[in-house]
Amino acid sequence: MDEDRDEEKPDWWVKNQRTRRDMDLPEYTPPRFADGVYTHEVAPVLEAQLGCDIQFAGLDPRYPEDWYVRIDGEAQFRVGRRRDDAGNTV
């Protein structure tokens, strides 16, 4: 049985967990909001409701630069980000 496999987790999450484990890095947690809700759970719901494409992207991806929320490819506003103790983005 694959210890990383979880029906709740997308394939990209499982792949990242394996990579981190293989490199002896802290556990992977995908980007999430300060309240702990994962961005990948919120964006698709909003996209469906609003009929648009939403992405979190860095104009200057070096940490600690903010991300921009892009709607249909256009940067709309900035959101701050930080790293947790395991190096995951919040």
N, C-alpha and C. Protein backbone atom coordinates (compact mmCIF):
# COMPACT_ATOMS: atom_id res chain seq x y z
N MET A 1 0.84 -1.19 0.00
CA MET A 1 0.00 0.00 0.00
C MET A 1 0.88 1.24 0.00
N ASP A 2 0.49 2.24 -0.75
CA ASP A 2 1.25 3.47 -0.87
C ASP A 2 0.90 4.37 0.32
N GLU A 3 1.88 4.62 1.18
CA GLU A 3 1.62 5.41 2.38
C GLU A 3 1.30 6.86 2.08
N ASP A 4 1.70 7.35 0.89
CA ASP A 4 1.40 8.73 0.52
C ASP A 4 0.01 8.88 -0.09
N ARG A 5 -0.56 7.79 -0.55
CA ARG A 5 -1.83 7.86 -1.28
C ARG A 5 -2.95 8.17 -0.31
N ASP A 6 -3.72 9.14 -0.66
CA ASP A 6 -4.88 9.54 0.12
C ASP A 6 -5.90 10.00 -0.90
N GLU A 7 -7.07 9.43 -0.90
CA GLU A 7 -8.09 9.76 -1.91
C GLU A 7 -8.46 11.23 -1.89
N GLU A 8 -8.20 11.91 -0.78
CA GLU A 8 -8.51 13.33 -0.67
C GLU A 8 -7.44 14.20 -1.32
N LYS A 9 -6.26 13.65 -1.53
CA LYS A 9 -5.14 14.46 -2.03
C LYS A 9 -4.98 14.30 -3.54
N PRO A 10 -4.81 15.44 -4.24
CA PRO A 10 -4.56 15.37 -5.69
C PRO A 10 -3.20 14.73 -5.97
N ASP A 11 -3.02 14.22 -7.19
CA ASP A 11 -1.77 13.56 -7.57
C ASP A 11 -0.55 14.45 -7.37
N TRP A 12 -0.68 15.75 -7.69
CA TRP A 12 0.47 16.65 -7.56
C TRP A 12 0.91 16.78 -6.10
N TRP A 13 -0.03 16.69 -5.17
CA TRP A 13 0.29 16.76 -3.74
C TRP A 13 1.07 15.51 -3.34
N VAL A 14 0.58 14.35 -3.75
CA VAL A 14 1.22 13.09 -3.41
C VAL A 14 2.64 13.05 -3.98
N LYS A 15 2.81 13.52 -5.21
CA LYS A 15 4.14 13.56 -5.84
C LYS A 15 5.09 14.45 -5.03
N ASN A 16 4.60 15.59 -4.59
CA ASN A 16 5.43 16.50 -3.82
C ASN A 16 5.80 15.87 -2.47
N GLN A 17 4.86 15.18 -1.85
CA GLN A 17 5.15 14.50 -0.58
C GLN A 17 6.28 13.49 -0.77
N ARG A 18 6.19 12.70 -1.83
CA ARG A 18 7.22 11.68 -2.10
C ARG A 18 8.58 12.33 -2.31
N THR A 19 8.61 13.40 -3.10
CA THR A 19 9.86 14.08 -3.38
C THR A 19 10.48 14.60 -2.10
N ARG A 20 9.68 15.23 -1.27
CA ARG A 20 10.20 15.76 -0.01
C ARG A 20 10.69 14.64 0.91
N ARG A 21 9.94 13.55 0.96
CA ARG A 21 10.37 12.43 1.81
C ARG A 21 11.69 11.85 1.28
N ASP A 22 11.79 11.68 -0.05
CA ASP A 22 13.00 11.13 -0.65
C ASP A 22 14.22 12.01 -0.41
N MET A 23 14.00 13.30 -0.26
CA MET A 23 15.10 14.26 -0.04
C MET A 23 15.28 14.58 1.44
N ASP A 24 14.54 13.86 2.29
CA ASP A 24 14.61 14.06 3.74
C ASP A 24 14.28 15.50 4.12
N LEU A 25 13.23 16.04 3.51
CA LEU A 25 12.76 17.40 3.78
C LEU A 25 11.50 17.33 4.64
N PRO A 26 11.11 18.44 5.24
CA PRO A 26 9.88 18.45 6.05
C PRO A 26 8.66 18.11 5.19
N GLU A 27 7.58 17.74 5.85
CA GLU A 27 6.34 17.34 5.18
C GLU A 27 5.80 18.46 4.29
N TYR A 28 5.25 18.07 3.14
CA TYR A 28 4.67 19.02 2.20
C TYR A 28 3.24 19.36 2.58
N THR A 29 2.94 20.63 2.56
CA THR A 29 1.57 21.13 2.68
C THR A 29 1.41 22.18 1.60
N PRO A 30 0.41 22.05 0.73
CA PRO A 30 0.25 23.02 -0.36
C PRO A 30 -0.11 24.41 0.14
N PRO A 31 0.02 25.42 -0.73
CA PRO A 31 -0.32 26.78 -0.32
C PRO A 31 -1.71 26.86 0.30
N ARG A 32 -1.81 27.66 1.36
CA ARG A 32 -3.08 27.78 2.07
C ARG A 32 -3.21 29.20 2.60
N PHE A 33 -4.44 29.54 2.91
CA PHE A 33 -4.71 30.85 3.50
C PHE A 33 -4.38 30.81 4.98
N ALA A 34 -4.32 31.97 5.61
CA ALA A 34 -3.96 32.06 7.03
C ALA A 34 -4.89 31.23 7.91
N ASP A 35 -6.14 31.02 7.48
CA ASP A 35 -7.07 30.22 8.29
C ASP A 35 -6.92 28.72 8.05
N GLY A 36 -5.95 28.32 7.21
CA GLY A 36 -5.67 26.91 6.97
C GLY A 36 -6.36 26.32 5.75
N VAL A 37 -7.27 27.06 5.12
CA VAL A 37 -7.97 26.56 3.94
C VAL A 37 -7.00 26.58 2.75
N TYR A 38 -6.95 25.46 2.02
CA TYR A 38 -6.05 25.35 0.88
C TYR A 38 -6.54 26.19 -0.29
N THR A 39 -5.59 26.90 -0.93
CA THR A 39 -5.96 27.72 -2.09
C THR A 39 -6.54 26.88 -3.21
N HIS A 40 -6.05 25.63 -3.36
CA HIS A 40 -6.55 24.79 -4.46
C HIS A 40 -7.98 24.31 -4.23
N GLU A 41 -8.51 24.50 -3.03
CA GLU A 41 -9.91 24.16 -2.77
C GLU A 41 -10.82 25.35 -3.03
N VAL A 42 -10.30 26.56 -2.84
CA VAL A 42 -11.11 27.77 -2.98
C VAL A 42 -11.17 28.24 -4.43
N ALA A 43 -10.03 28.27 -5.10
CA ALA A 43 -9.97 28.83 -6.45
C ALA A 43 -10.95 28.16 -7.43
N PRO A 44 -11.05 26.83 -7.50
CA PRO A 44 -11.98 26.22 -8.46
C PRO A 44 -13.44 26.57 -8.20
N VAL A 45 -13.81 26.71 -6.94
CA VAL A 45 -15.19 27.08 -6.60
C VAL A 45 -15.48 28.49 -7.10
N LEU A 46 -14.56 29.41 -6.83
CA LEU A 46 -14.74 30.78 -7.31
C LEU A 46 -14.73 30.85 -8.83
N GLU A 47 -13.85 30.09 -9.46
CA GLU A 47 -13.80 30.07 -10.92
C GLU A 47 -15.13 29.62 -11.51
N ALA A 48 -15.72 28.59 -10.94
CA ALA A 48 -17.00 28.09 -11.43
C ALA A 48 -18.12 29.10 -11.20
N GLN A 49 -18.11 29.72 -10.03
CA GLN A 49 -19.15 30.70 -9.71
C GLN A 49 -19.05 31.96 -10.56
N LEU A 50 -17.82 32.39 -10.83
CA LEU A 50 -17.60 33.67 -11.49
C LEU A 50 -17.28 33.54 -12.98
N GLY A 51 -17.05 32.31 -13.45
CA GLY A 51 -16.74 32.10 -14.86
C GLY A 51 -15.42 32.71 -15.28
N CYS A 52 -14.38 32.49 -14.48
CA CYS A 52 -13.07 33.06 -14.79
C CYS A 52 -11.98 32.07 -14.38
N ASP A 53 -10.75 32.41 -14.70
CA ASP A 53 -9.58 31.63 -14.32
C ASP A 53 -8.84 32.41 -13.24
N ILE A 54 -8.55 31.77 -12.11
CA ILE A 54 -7.87 32.43 -11.00
C ILE A 54 -6.54 31.73 -10.75
N GLN A 55 -5.48 32.52 -10.65
CA GLN A 55 -4.16 31.99 -10.36
C GLN A 55 -3.48 32.87 -9.32
N PHE A 56 -2.64 32.25 -8.51
CA PHE A 56 -1.76 32.97 -7.61
C PHE A 56 -0.38 32.90 -8.26
N ALA A 57 0.20 34.05 -8.54
CA ALA A 57 1.46 34.05 -9.26
C ALA A 57 2.35 35.19 -8.76
N GLY A 58 3.63 34.95 -8.80
CA GLY A 58 4.56 35.99 -8.41
C GLY A 58 5.10 36.70 -9.63
N LEU A 59 5.08 38.03 -9.60
CA LEU A 59 5.75 38.78 -10.66
C LEU A 59 7.25 38.67 -10.45
N ASP A 60 7.67 38.66 -9.20
CA ASP A 60 9.05 38.39 -8.82
C ASP A 60 8.95 37.23 -7.84
N PRO A 61 9.15 36.00 -8.32
CA PRO A 61 8.87 34.83 -7.48
C PRO A 61 9.83 34.59 -6.33
N ARG A 62 10.83 35.45 -6.16
CA ARG A 62 11.75 35.26 -5.04
C ARG A 62 11.05 35.54 -3.73
N TYR A 63 11.25 34.66 -2.77
CA TYR A 63 10.67 34.85 -1.44
C TYR A 63 11.40 35.98 -0.78
N PRO A 64 10.79 36.91 -0.11
CA PRO A 64 9.42 36.96 0.39
C PRO A 64 8.48 37.83 -0.43
N GLU A 65 8.71 38.00 -1.70
CA GLU A 65 7.85 38.84 -2.52
C GLU A 65 6.40 38.36 -2.45
N ASP A 66 5.47 39.31 -2.47
CA ASP A 66 4.05 38.97 -2.48
C ASP A 66 3.67 38.26 -3.77
N TRP A 67 2.55 37.59 -3.74
CA TRP A 67 1.96 37.03 -4.94
C TRP A 67 0.89 37.98 -5.44
N TYR A 68 0.58 37.85 -6.70
CA TYR A 68 -0.55 38.57 -7.29
C TYR A 68 -1.65 37.56 -7.57
N VAL A 69 -2.88 38.00 -7.39
CA VAL A 69 -4.01 37.18 -7.81
C VAL A 69 -4.29 37.62 -9.24
N ARG A 70 -4.20 36.66 -10.14
CA ARG A 70 -4.44 36.92 -11.55
C ARG A 70 -5.82 36.36 -11.91
N ILE A 71 -6.62 37.18 -12.53
CA ILE A 71 -7.94 36.77 -12.98
C ILE A 71 -7.95 36.89 -14.49
N ASP A 72 -8.19 35.74 -15.14
CA ASP A 72 -8.12 35.66 -16.61
C ASP A 72 -6.83 36.26 -17.14
N GLY A 73 -5.72 35.96 -16.45
CA GLY A 73 -4.40 36.35 -16.90
C GLY A 73 -3.94 37.74 -16.51
N GLU A 74 -4.80 38.53 -15.91
CA GLU A 74 -4.46 39.90 -15.54
C GLU A 74 -4.26 40.01 -14.02
N ALA A 75 -3.12 40.58 -13.61
CA ALA A 75 -2.87 40.79 -12.18
C ALA A 75 -3.88 41.80 -11.64
N GLN A 76 -4.60 41.40 -10.59
CA GLN A 76 -5.65 42.23 -10.02
C GLN A 76 -5.27 42.86 -8.68
N PHE A 77 -4.66 42.05 -7.81
CA PHE A 77 -4.25 42.57 -6.52
C PHE A 77 -3.19 41.66 -5.92
N ARG A 78 -2.49 42.19 -4.93
CA ARG A 78 -1.41 41.45 -4.27
C ARG A 78 -1.94 40.75 -3.02
N VAL A 79 -1.32 39.65 -2.69
CA VAL A 79 -1.57 38.98 -1.42
C VAL A 79 -0.22 38.66 -0.78
N GLY A 80 -0.12 38.92 0.50
CA GLY A 80 1.11 38.61 1.21
C GLY A 80 1.26 37.11 1.36
N ARG A 81 2.46 36.69 1.61
CA ARG A 81 2.71 35.28 1.88
C ARG A 81 3.86 35.16 2.85
N ARG A 82 3.93 34.00 3.48
CA ARG A 82 5.03 33.70 4.38
C ARG A 82 5.29 32.20 4.29
N ARG A 83 6.37 31.77 4.86
CA ARG A 83 6.70 30.34 4.92
C ARG A 83 6.50 29.86 6.35
N ASP A 84 5.95 28.65 6.49
CA ASP A 84 5.85 28.08 7.82
C ASP A 84 7.18 27.42 8.18
N ASP A 85 7.24 26.79 9.32
CA ASP A 85 8.49 26.18 9.79
C ASP A 85 9.01 25.09 8.86
N ALA A 86 8.12 24.47 8.06
CA ALA A 86 8.52 23.41 7.14
C ALA A 86 8.81 23.96 5.73
N GLY A 87 8.74 25.28 5.57
CA GLY A 87 9.03 25.89 4.27
C GLY A 87 7.84 25.93 3.32
N ASN A 88 6.65 25.63 3.82
CA ASN A 88 5.45 25.66 2.99
C ASN A 88 4.85 27.06 2.99
N THR A 89 4.16 27.40 1.90
CA THR A 89 3.62 28.76 1.73
C THR A 89 2.27 28.95 2.39
N VAL A 90 2.15 30.03 3.15
CA VAL A 90 0.90 30.45 3.78
C VAL A 90 0.62 31.86 3.29
